[in-house]
C-alpha atoms as a PDB file:
ATOM      1  CA  MET A   1      -4.288  -3.469  10.313  1.00  0.00           C
ATOM      2  CA  LEU A   2      -5.340  -1.095   8.297  1.00  0.00           C
ATOM      3  CA  LEU A   3      -8.629   0.556   7.031  1.00  0.00           C
ATOM      4  CA  LEU A   4      -9.755   1.590   4.042  1.00  0.00           C
ATOM      5  CA  ALA A   5     -12.979   3.337   3.985  1.00  0.00           C
ATOM      6  CA  SER A   6     -14.196   5.172   1.199  1.00  0.00           C
ATOM      7  CA  THR A   7     -12.664   5.654  -2.702  1.00  0.00           C
ATOM      8  CA  SER A   8     -10.330   8.004  -1.284  1.00  0.00           C
ATOM      9  CA  ASP A   9      -8.497   5.678   1.234  1.00  0.00           C
ATOM     10  CA  LYS A  10      -5.419   4.391   0.045  1.00  0.00           C
ATOM     11  CA  ILE A  11      -2.256   3.468   0.548  1.00  0.00           C
ATOM     12  CA  ARG A  12       1.496   4.450  -0.901  1.00  0.00           C
ATOM     13  CA  LEU A  13       4.895   4.765  -0.426  1.00  0.00           C
ATOM     14  CA  THR A  14       7.944   6.832  -1.005  1.00  0.00           C
ATOM     15  CA  THR A  15      11.118   5.726  -2.018  1.00  0.00           C
ATOM     16  CA  GLY A  16      14.007   7.566  -1.828  1.00  0.00           C
ATOM     17  CA  SER A  17      16.925   5.910  -3.772  1.00  0.00           C
ATOM     18  CA  ALA A  18      16.228   4.191  -7.300  1.00  0.00           C
ATOM     19  CA  LEU A  19      17.075   0.811  -5.670  1.00  0.00           C
ATOM     20  CA  ASN A  20      15.240  -2.546  -6.160  1.00  0.00           C
ATOM     21  CA  ILE A  21      12.456  -2.356  -3.896  1.00  0.00           C
ATOM     22  CA  ASP A  22       9.631  -5.531  -3.604  1.00  0.00           C
ATOM     23  CA  VAL A  23       6.669  -4.851  -1.549  1.00  0.00           C
ATOM     24  CA  HIS A  24       3.791  -7.126  -1.524  1.00  0.00           C
ATOM     25  CA  ALA A  25       0.406  -6.270   0.276  1.00  0.00           C
ATOM     26  CA  SER A  26      -2.590  -8.258   1.434  1.00  0.00           C
ATOM     27  CA  TRP A  27      -6.664  -7.386   2.611  1.00  0.00           C
ATOM     28  CA  VAL A  28     -10.050  -8.359   2.841  1.00  0.00           C
ATOM     29  CA  ASP A  29     -12.454  -6.699   1.258  1.00  0.00           C
ATOM     30  CA  LYS A  30     -15.957  -6.478   2.662  1.00  0.00           C
ATOM     31  CA  ASN A  31     -19.263  -5.638   0.870  1.00  0.00           C
ATOM     32  CA  GLY A  32     -22.299  -6.170   2.602  1.00  0.00           C
ATOM     33  CA  SER A  33     -21.965 -10.194   3.267  1.00  0.00           C
ATOM     34  CA  THR A  34     -19.732 -10.527   0.565  1.00  0.00           C
ATOM     35  CA  ILE A  35     -16.120 -11.148   1.725  1.00  0.00           C
ATOM     36  CA  THR A  36     -13.511 -11.266  -1.117  1.00  0.00           C
ATOM     37  CA  PRO A  37      -9.211 -11.694  -0.475  1.00  0.00           C
ATOM     38  CA  GLY A  38      -7.346  -9.681  -2.765  1.00  0.00           C
ATOM     39  CA  ASN A  39      -3.297  -9.189  -2.874  1.00  0.00           C
ATOM     40  CA  LYS A  40      -0.832  -7.492  -4.888  1.00  0.00           C
ATOM     41  CA  ASN A  41       2.839  -7.873  -6.127  1.00  0.00           C
ATOM     42  CA  THR A  42       5.064  -3.696  -6.504  1.00  0.00           C
ATOM     43  CA  PRO A  43       8.663  -3.737  -7.248  1.00  0.00           C
ATOM     44  CA  ILE A  44      10.295  -0.553  -7.273  1.00  0.00           C
ATOM     45  CA  SER A  45      12.507   0.765  -8.418  1.00  0.00           C
ATOM     46  CA  THR A  46      12.814   4.456  -8.479  1.00  0.00           C
ATOM     47  CA  ALA A  47      12.481   7.032  -6.477  1.00  0.00           C
ATOM     48  CA  THR A  48       9.073   8.011  -6.182  1.00  0.00           C
ATOM     49  CA  THR A  49       5.945   7.970  -4.258  1.00  0.00           C
ATOM     50  CA  THR A  50       3.900   4.906  -5.504  1.00  0.00           C
ATOM     51  CA  ASP A  51       0.307   3.568  -5.066  1.00  0.00           C
ATOM     52  CA  ILE A  52       0.645  -0.498  -2.727  1.00  0.00           C
ATOM     53  CA  VAL A  53      -3.560  -0.261  -2.107  1.00  0.00           C
ATOM     54  CA  ALA A  54      -5.458   1.205  -4.189  1.00  0.00           C
ATOM     55  CA  ALA A  55      -8.545   2.442  -2.683  1.00  0.00           C
ATOM     56  CA  PRO A  56     -11.436   0.117  -2.201  1.00  0.00           C
ATOM     57  CA  ALA A  57     -15.028   0.228  -4.319  1.00  0.00           C
ATOM     58  CA  SER A  58     -17.973   2.037  -3.700  1.00  0.00           C
ATOM     59  CA  SER A  59     -19.688   0.651  -0.393  1.00  0.00           C
ATOM     60  CA  THR A  60     -16.543  -1.671   0.085  1.00  0.00           C
ATOM     61  CA  TYR A  61     -14.459  -1.594   2.697  1.00  0.00           C
ATOM     62  CA  ARG A  62     -11.018  -2.750   2.686  1.00  0.00           C
ATOM     63  CA  THR A  63      -8.754  -4.379   5.655  1.00  0.00           C
ATOM     64  CA  VAL A  64      -4.974  -4.430   5.458  1.00  0.00           C
ATOM     65  CA  LYS A  65      -3.975  -6.867   6.776  1.00  0.00           C
ATOM     66  CA  THR A  66      -0.008  -7.298   5.756  1.00  0.00           C
ATOM     67  CA  ILE A  67       2.476  -4.855   4.057  1.00  0.00           C
ATOM     68  CA  THR A  68       5.885  -5.850   3.236  1.00  0.00           C
ATOM     69  CA  VAL A  69       8.446  -4.135   2.450  1.00  0.00           C
ATOM     70  CA  ARG A  70      12.092  -5.574   1.254  1.00  0.00           C
ATOM     71  CA  ASN A  71      15.035  -3.713  -0.021  1.00  0.00           C
ATOM     72  CA  ARG A  72      16.673  -5.839  -2.425  1.00  0.00           C
ATOM     73  CA  ASP A  73      20.283  -4.087  -2.577  1.00  0.00           C
ATOM     74  CA  SER A  74      22.318  -5.726   0.210  1.00  0.00           C
ATOM     75  CA  THR A  75      24.953  -2.732   0.573  1.00  0.00           C
ATOM     76  CA  THR A  76      23.082   0.241   0.342  1.00  0.00           C
ATOM     77  CA  SER A  77      19.876   1.461   2.386  1.00  0.00           C
ATOM     78  CA  ASN A  78      16.811   3.251   1.371  1.00  0.00           C
ATOM     79  CA  ALA A  79      14.271   5.684   3.147  1.00  0.00           C
ATOM     80  CA  VAL A  80      10.671   4.249   2.575  1.00  0.00           C
ATOM     81  CA  THR A  81       7.391   5.995   4.617  1.00  0.00           C
ATOM     82  CA  VAL A  82       4.645   4.694   4.158  1.00  0.00           C
ATOM     83  CA  ILE A  83       1.614   6.846   4.081  1.00  0.00           C
ATOM     84  CA  HIS A  84      -2.363   6.211   4.344  1.00  0.00           C
ATOM     85  CA  THR A  85      -3.910   9.249   2.629  1.00  0.00           C
ATOM     86  CA  ASP A  86      -7.787   9.913   2.821  1.00  0.00           C
ATOM     87  CA  GLY A  87      -7.338  12.126  -0.348  1.00  0.00           C
ATOM     88  CA  THR A  88      -6.826  15.262   1.882  1.00  0.00           C
ATOM     89  CA  ASN A  89      -4.480  13.798   3.999  1.00  0.00           C
ATOM     90  CA  ALA A  90      -1.619  12.198   4.114  1.00  0.00           C
ATOM     91  CA  MET A  91      -0.499  10.114   7.429  1.00  0.00           C
ATOM     92  CA  GLU A  92       2.948   8.762   7.394  1.00  0.00           C
END
């Protein structure tokens, strides 16, 4: 579980090759007593860094429950790195 506690926190994924990568992320937002589930599917096909979970809104805590990453190429590997950033420090 990952906690995004500010409007600068987000989760990113870096891919090393231009191959088809499927990413799914699911989370729960908490704002006061209001709980809101969310999810996002992100297809990636380039060697780049992609935001896979956006920062929460102001006064909201986002708890990331699941992140799945799948390389759709059956013969070629792809280096991927999951990064949590608070807007200043990026931790792999």
